[in-house]
């Protein structure tokens, strides 16, 4: 398997498994909803098999997400690095504690708004 294909398979595996578990479904339940075999879902979740476009679309529809959600890179590591750099900058700026708390509230509001916008986008895309 090409290294990039392996990376993509692992990305899909992680997303499918996470979304399935968030819904409280077993692998057989997801397989039934996606009209796929239990073995296929198991192999996809282990990153041993890259789903076909049809299978990917079925998985996404069953999980009520856009296919792009299953393919998107995991940004958590990059976000953690950004957060560390931002925290270091705050220390260097020697801001008052009240300003730091204000920045936290702003960051939470931005994150909430982004999540709401992403859900709206996902719903409108899945209806098309």
N, C-alpha and C. Protein backbone atom coordinates (compact mmCIF):
# COMPACT_ATOMS: atom_id res chain seq x y z
N UNK A 1 0.85 -1.17 0.00
CA UNK A 1 0.00 0.00 0.00
C UNK A 1 0.90 1.24 0.00
N UNK A 2 0.60 2.19 -0.85
CA UNK A 2 1.35 3.44 -0.93
C UNK A 2 1.26 4.16 0.43
N UNK A 3 2.34 4.80 0.86
CA UNK A 3 2.32 5.48 2.17
C UNK A 3 1.17 6.48 2.33
N UNK A 4 0.86 7.22 1.28
CA UNK A 4 -0.24 8.19 1.38
C UNK A 4 -1.59 7.48 1.50
N UNK A 5 -1.72 6.35 0.81
CA UNK A 5 -2.96 5.57 0.90
C UNK A 5 -3.10 5.03 2.31
N UNK A 6 -2.00 4.56 2.89
CA UNK A 6 -2.02 4.05 4.26
C UNK A 6 -2.42 5.16 5.23
N UNK A 7 -1.87 6.34 5.03
CA UNK A 7 -2.22 7.49 5.88
C UNK A 7 -3.71 7.82 5.77
N UNK A 8 -4.22 7.81 4.55
CA UNK A 8 -5.64 8.09 4.33
C UNK A 8 -6.51 7.01 4.96
N UNK A 9 -6.10 5.76 4.81
CA UNK A 9 -6.85 4.65 5.41
C UNK A 9 -6.91 4.79 6.92
N UNK A 10 -5.80 5.18 7.53
CA UNK A 10 -5.78 5.37 8.98
C UNK A 10 -6.66 6.54 9.41
N UNK A 11 -6.65 7.59 8.61
CA UNK A 11 -7.49 8.75 8.90
C UNK A 11 -8.97 8.36 8.86
N UNK A 12 -9.35 7.65 7.80
CA UNK A 12 -10.74 7.20 7.66
C UNK A 12 -11.08 6.25 8.81
N UNK A 13 -10.16 5.34 9.13
CA UNK A 13 -10.39 4.36 10.20
C UNK A 13 -10.70 5.07 11.52
N UNK A 14 -9.88 6.04 11.85
CA UNK A 14 -10.06 6.77 13.11
C UNK A 14 -11.38 7.51 13.13
N UNK A 15 -11.70 8.18 12.03
CA UNK A 15 -12.95 8.96 11.99
C UNK A 15 -14.18 8.07 12.05
N UNK A 16 -14.18 6.99 11.28
CA UNK A 16 -15.34 6.09 11.26
C UNK A 16 -15.55 5.50 12.65
N UNK A 17 -14.48 5.02 13.25
CA UNK A 17 -14.60 4.40 14.58
C UNK A 17 -15.08 5.41 15.61
N UNK A 18 -14.50 6.61 15.61
CA UNK A 18 -14.89 7.65 16.56
C UNK A 18 -16.36 8.01 16.41
N UNK A 19 -16.79 8.24 15.17
CA UNK A 19 -18.19 8.62 14.92
C UNK A 19 -19.14 7.49 15.29
N UNK A 20 -18.74 6.26 15.00
CA UNK A 20 -19.59 5.10 15.35
C UNK A 20 -19.75 5.01 16.86
N UNK A 21 -18.65 5.13 17.58
CA UNK A 21 -18.69 5.03 19.04
C UNK A 21 -19.47 6.18 19.66
N UNK A 22 -19.35 7.38 19.08
CA UNK A 22 -20.12 8.53 19.57
C UNK A 22 -21.62 8.26 19.50
N UNK A 23 -22.02 7.46 18.52
CA UNK A 23 -23.44 7.14 18.35
C UNK A 23 -23.86 5.91 19.17
N UNK A 24 -22.88 5.26 19.78
CA UNK A 24 -23.17 4.08 20.58
C UNK A 24 -23.49 2.85 19.75
N UNK A 25 -23.01 2.82 18.52
CA UNK A 25 -23.29 1.70 17.62
C UNK A 25 -22.17 0.67 17.67
N UNK A 26 -22.55 -0.56 17.43
CA UNK A 26 -21.57 -1.64 17.24
C UNK A 26 -21.14 -1.62 15.77
N UNK A 27 -20.09 -2.35 15.46
CA UNK A 27 -19.70 -2.47 14.05
C UNK A 27 -20.80 -3.11 13.22
N UNK A 28 -21.45 -4.19 13.71
CA UNK A 28 -22.55 -4.76 12.92
C UNK A 28 -23.69 -3.78 12.67
N UNK A 29 -23.95 -2.90 13.64
CA UNK A 29 -25.01 -1.89 13.46
C UNK A 29 -24.63 -0.92 12.35
N UNK A 30 -23.39 -0.44 12.36
CA UNK A 30 -22.94 0.46 11.29
C UNK A 30 -22.97 -0.27 9.95
N UNK A 31 -22.52 -1.50 9.93
CA UNK A 31 -22.52 -2.29 8.69
C UNK A 31 -23.93 -2.40 8.13
N UNK A 32 -24.89 -2.67 9.01
CA UNK A 32 -26.29 -2.80 8.57
C UNK A 32 -26.79 -1.47 7.99
N UNK A 33 -26.53 -0.39 8.70
CA UNK A 33 -27.00 0.93 8.26
C UNK A 33 -26.35 1.36 6.94
N UNK A 34 -25.10 0.96 6.75
CA UNK A 34 -24.36 1.35 5.54
C UNK A 34 -24.48 0.32 4.42
N UNK A 35 -25.20 -0.77 4.67
CA UNK A 35 -25.33 -1.86 3.70
C UNK A 35 -23.96 -2.41 3.28
N UNK A 36 -23.10 -2.59 4.28
CA UNK A 36 -21.77 -3.16 4.07
C UNK A 36 -21.65 -4.41 4.94
N UNK A 37 -20.68 -5.24 4.63
CA UNK A 37 -20.47 -6.43 5.46
C UNK A 37 -19.80 -6.03 6.78
N UNK A 38 -20.01 -6.87 7.79
CA UNK A 38 -19.33 -6.64 9.08
C UNK A 38 -17.82 -6.65 8.88
N UNK A 39 -17.34 -7.57 8.04
CA UNK A 39 -15.90 -7.69 7.79
C UNK A 39 -15.36 -6.41 7.17
N UNK A 40 -16.11 -5.82 6.24
CA UNK A 40 -15.66 -4.59 5.59
C UNK A 40 -15.53 -3.46 6.61
N UNK A 41 -16.54 -3.29 7.44
CA UNK A 41 -16.49 -2.23 8.45
C UNK A 41 -15.31 -2.46 9.39
N UNK A 42 -15.11 -3.69 9.80
CA UNK A 42 -14.00 -4.03 10.68
C UNK A 42 -12.65 -3.70 10.04
N UNK A 43 -12.48 -4.08 8.78
CA UNK A 43 -11.21 -3.80 8.08
C UNK A 43 -11.00 -2.31 7.88
N UNK A 44 -12.08 -1.58 7.58
CA UNK A 44 -11.97 -0.13 7.41
C UNK A 44 -11.54 0.50 8.74
N UNK A 45 -12.17 0.09 9.83
CA UNK A 45 -11.85 0.67 11.14
C UNK A 45 -10.44 0.33 11.61
N UNK A 46 -9.89 -0.76 11.15
CA UNK A 46 -8.51 -1.12 11.51
C UNK A 46 -7.50 -0.51 10.53
N UNK A 47 -7.99 0.16 9.50
CA UNK A 47 -7.11 0.77 8.51
C UNK A 47 -6.50 -0.24 7.56
N UNK A 48 -7.06 -1.44 7.53
CA UNK A 48 -6.54 -2.49 6.66
C UNK A 48 -7.13 -2.42 5.26
N UNK A 49 -8.20 -1.69 5.12
CA UNK A 49 -8.87 -1.61 3.82
C UNK A 49 -9.31 -0.18 3.60
N UNK A 50 -9.00 0.36 2.43
CA UNK A 50 -9.49 1.68 2.06
C UNK A 50 -10.83 1.49 1.37
N UNK A 51 -11.89 2.12 1.90
CA UNK A 51 -13.20 1.89 1.29
C UNK A 51 -13.28 2.49 -0.12
N UNK A 52 -14.08 1.84 -0.96
CA UNK A 52 -14.35 2.39 -2.29
C UNK A 52 -15.13 3.69 -2.11
N UNK A 53 -15.27 4.46 -3.17
CA UNK A 53 -16.05 5.70 -3.08
C UNK A 53 -17.49 5.42 -2.67
N UNK A 54 -18.07 4.34 -3.22
CA UNK A 54 -19.43 3.98 -2.84
C UNK A 54 -19.52 3.62 -1.36
N UNK A 55 -18.57 2.83 -0.88
CA UNK A 55 -18.57 2.44 0.54
C UNK A 55 -18.35 3.66 1.43
N UNK A 56 -17.46 4.55 1.01
CA UNK A 56 -17.20 5.77 1.78
C UNK A 56 -18.47 6.62 1.86
N UNK A 57 -19.16 6.76 0.74
CA UNK A 57 -20.41 7.53 0.72
C UNK A 57 -21.46 6.88 1.60
N UNK A 58 -21.54 5.56 1.59
CA UNK A 58 -22.51 4.84 2.44
C UNK A 58 -22.18 5.03 3.92
N UNK A 59 -20.91 4.94 4.25
CA UNK A 59 -20.51 5.14 5.65
C UNK A 59 -20.84 6.56 6.10
N UNK A 60 -20.50 7.54 5.27
CA UNK A 60 -20.77 8.93 5.62
C UNK A 60 -22.26 9.18 5.79
N UNK A 61 -23.06 8.68 4.86
CA UNK A 61 -24.51 8.87 4.96
C UNK A 61 -25.06 8.20 6.22
N UNK A 62 -24.59 7.01 6.51
CA UNK A 62 -25.05 6.29 7.71
C UNK A 62 -24.68 7.04 8.98
N UNK A 63 -23.53 7.67 8.98
CA UNK A 63 -23.06 8.42 10.15
C UNK A 63 -23.58 9.85 10.15
N UNK A 64 -24.33 10.22 9.12
CA UNK A 64 -24.92 11.55 8.97
C UNK A 64 -23.86 12.66 8.95
N UNK A 65 -22.80 12.40 8.18
CA UNK A 65 -21.76 13.41 7.97
C UNK A 65 -21.44 13.46 6.49
N UNK A 66 -20.82 14.54 6.07
CA UNK A 66 -20.35 14.65 4.70
C UNK A 66 -19.11 13.78 4.54
N UNK A 67 -18.89 13.27 3.34
CA UNK A 67 -17.71 12.42 3.12
C UNK A 67 -16.41 13.16 3.45
N UNK A 68 -16.42 14.48 3.29
CA UNK A 68 -15.21 15.25 3.60
C UNK A 68 -14.81 15.12 5.07
N UNK A 69 -15.77 14.88 5.95
CA UNK A 69 -15.47 14.70 7.37
C UNK A 69 -14.61 13.45 7.57
N UNK A 70 -14.89 12.41 6.79
CA UNK A 70 -14.13 11.17 6.92
C UNK A 70 -12.73 11.28 6.31
N UNK A 71 -12.55 12.22 5.39
CA UNK A 71 -11.28 12.37 4.68
C UNK A 71 -10.38 13.46 5.24
N UNK A 72 -10.94 14.39 6.00
CA UNK A 72 -10.19 15.56 6.46
C UNK A 72 -9.06 15.15 7.40
N UNK A 73 -7.92 15.83 7.29
CA UNK A 73 -6.80 15.51 8.18
C UNK A 73 -7.13 15.86 9.63
N UNK A 74 -6.51 15.13 10.54
CA UNK A 74 -6.67 15.39 11.97
C UNK A 74 -5.83 16.61 12.31
N UNK A 75 -6.48 17.64 12.76
CA UNK A 75 -5.77 18.88 13.04
C UNK A 75 -5.42 19.04 14.52
N UNK A 76 -5.72 18.05 15.33
CA UNK A 76 -5.53 18.21 16.78
C UNK A 76 -4.06 18.43 17.15
N UNK A 77 -3.14 17.73 16.52
CA UNK A 77 -1.72 17.90 16.85
C UNK A 77 -1.26 19.31 16.49
N UNK A 78 -1.67 19.79 15.32
CA UNK A 78 -1.30 21.15 14.91
C UNK A 78 -1.93 22.18 15.84
N UNK A 79 -3.17 21.93 16.25
CA UNK A 79 -3.84 22.86 17.16
C UNK A 79 -3.15 22.90 18.52
N UNK A 80 -2.71 21.75 19.01
CA UNK A 80 -2.00 21.73 20.30
C UNK A 80 -0.70 22.52 20.20
N UNK A 81 0.01 22.38 19.10
CA UNK A 81 1.26 23.13 18.91
C UNK A 81 0.97 24.63 18.85
N UNK A 82 -0.09 25.00 18.13
CA UNK A 82 -0.49 26.41 18.07
C UNK A 82 -0.85 26.94 19.45
N UNK A 83 -1.57 26.13 20.22
CA UNK A 83 -1.98 26.54 21.56
C UNK A 83 -0.76 26.76 22.46
N UNK A 84 0.23 25.89 22.34
CA UNK A 84 1.46 26.07 23.14
C UNK A 84 2.16 27.37 22.77
N UNK A 85 2.27 27.63 21.46
CA UNK A 85 2.92 28.87 21.02
C UNK A 85 2.15 30.09 21.51
N UNK A 86 0.82 30.02 21.44
CA UNK A 86 -0.01 31.13 21.89
C UNK A 86 0.17 31.35 23.39
N UNK A 87 0.20 30.27 24.16
CA UNK A 87 0.39 30.39 25.61
C UNK A 87 1.75 31.03 25.92
N UNK A 88 2.77 30.64 25.17
CA UNK A 88 4.10 31.23 25.36
C UNK A 88 4.07 32.72 25.05
N UNK A 89 3.36 33.11 24.00
CA UNK A 89 3.24 34.53 23.66
C UNK A 89 2.53 35.30 24.76
N UNK A 90 1.49 34.70 25.34
CA UNK A 90 0.77 35.38 26.42
C UNK A 90 1.69 35.61 27.62
N UNK A 91 2.52 34.63 27.92
CA UNK A 91 3.46 34.79 29.03
C UNK A 91 4.43 35.93 28.74
N UNK A 92 4.94 35.97 27.51
CA UNK A 92 5.89 37.02 27.12
C UNK A 92 5.26 38.41 27.16
N UNK A 93 3.97 38.50 26.85
CA UNK A 93 3.28 39.80 26.84
C UNK A 93 2.98 40.31 28.25
N UNK A 94 3.03 39.42 29.22
CA UNK A 94 2.78 39.78 30.62
C UNK A 94 1.43 40.49 30.78
N UNK A 95 0.42 39.89 30.15
CA UNK A 95 -0.93 40.46 30.24
C UNK A 95 -1.51 40.24 31.63
N UNK A 96 -2.37 41.16 32.05
CA UNK A 96 -3.07 40.93 33.32
C UNK A 96 -3.98 39.71 33.21
N UNK A 97 -4.19 39.05 34.33
CA UNK A 97 -5.03 37.85 34.37
C UNK A 97 -6.41 38.11 33.78
N UNK A 98 -6.97 39.27 34.03
CA UNK A 98 -8.31 39.59 33.50
C UNK A 98 -8.31 39.60 31.98
N UNK A 99 -7.24 40.08 31.36
CA UNK A 99 -7.15 40.07 29.89
C UNK A 99 -7.04 38.64 29.36
N UNK A 100 -6.31 37.81 30.07
CA UNK A 100 -6.19 36.40 29.65
C UNK A 100 -7.54 35.71 29.72
N UNK A 101 -8.31 35.99 30.78
CA UNK A 101 -9.65 35.41 30.90
C UNK A 101 -10.56 35.90 29.77
N UNK A 102 -10.43 37.17 29.41
CA UNK A 102 -11.22 37.71 28.29
C UNK A 102 -10.86 37.00 27.00
N UNK A 103 -9.58 36.77 26.77
CA UNK A 103 -9.14 36.05 25.58
C UNK A 103 -9.69 34.62 25.56
N UNK A 104 -9.74 33.97 26.71
CA UNK A 104 -10.32 32.62 26.79
C UNK A 104 -11.79 32.63 26.39
N UNK A 105 -12.53 33.60 26.90
CA UNK A 105 -13.97 33.69 26.56
C UNK A 105 -14.15 33.93 25.06
N UNK A 106 -13.32 34.78 24.49
CA UNK A 106 -13.40 35.05 23.05
C UNK A 106 -13.10 33.77 22.27
N UNK A 107 -12.06 33.05 22.67
CA UNK A 107 -11.70 31.80 21.98
C UNK A 107 -12.83 30.78 22.06
N UNK A 108 -13.45 30.65 23.23
CA UNK A 108 -14.58 29.71 23.36
C UNK A 108 -15.74 30.12 22.47
N UNK A 109 -16.03 31.42 22.41
CA UNK A 109 -17.13 31.90 21.56
C UNK A 109 -16.83 31.61 20.10
N UNK A 110 -15.60 31.83 19.68
CA UNK A 110 -15.22 31.54 18.29
C UNK A 110 -15.35 30.05 17.99
N UNK A 111 -14.90 29.21 18.91
CA UNK A 111 -14.99 27.76 18.70
C UNK A 111 -16.43 27.32 18.61
N UNK A 112 -17.28 27.85 19.47
CA UNK A 112 -18.70 27.49 19.44
C UNK A 112 -19.32 27.92 18.12
N UNK A 113 -19.04 29.12 17.68
CA UNK A 113 -19.59 29.62 16.41
C UNK A 113 -19.11 28.77 15.24
N UNK A 114 -17.85 28.37 15.25
CA UNK A 114 -17.30 27.54 14.18
C UNK A 114 -17.98 26.17 14.16
N UNK A 115 -18.22 25.59 15.34
CA UNK A 115 -18.90 24.29 15.41
C UNK A 115 -20.32 24.39 14.88
N UNK A 116 -21.02 25.45 15.23
CA UNK A 116 -22.39 25.65 14.74
C UNK A 116 -22.38 25.79 13.22
N UNK A 117 -21.46 26.57 12.70
CA UNK A 117 -21.37 26.76 11.24
C UNK A 117 -21.04 25.44 10.54
N UNK A 118 -20.15 24.64 11.13
CA UNK A 118 -19.79 23.35 10.52
C UNK A 118 -20.99 22.41 10.51
N UNK A 119 -21.78 22.41 11.59
CA UNK A 119 -22.97 21.56 11.62
C UNK A 119 -23.98 21.99 10.56
N UNK A 120 -24.16 23.30 10.42
CA UNK A 120 -25.08 23.81 9.39
C UNK A 120 -24.62 23.39 8.01
N UNK A 121 -23.32 23.53 7.76
CA UNK A 121 -22.74 23.17 6.47
C UNK A 121 -22.92 21.68 6.21
N UNK A 122 -22.67 20.87 7.22
CA UNK A 122 -22.81 19.42 7.07
C UNK A 122 -24.25 19.04 6.76
N UNK A 123 -25.20 19.67 7.46
CA UNK A 123 -26.61 19.37 7.21
C UNK A 123 -27.04 19.79 5.81
N UNK A 124 -26.61 20.98 5.38
CA UNK A 124 -27.02 21.45 4.06
C UNK A 124 -26.37 20.62 2.96
N UNK A 125 -25.14 20.16 3.17
CA UNK A 125 -24.45 19.33 2.19
C UNK A 125 -25.08 17.95 2.12
N UNK A 126 -25.47 17.40 3.27
CA UNK A 126 -26.04 16.05 3.27
C UNK A 126 -27.44 16.02 2.68
N UNK A 127 -28.12 17.15 2.62
CA UNK A 127 -29.46 17.21 2.03
C UNK A 127 -29.43 17.25 0.51
N UNK A 128 -28.28 17.62 -0.03
CA UNK A 128 -28.18 17.77 -1.50
C UNK A 128 -28.08 16.45 -2.18
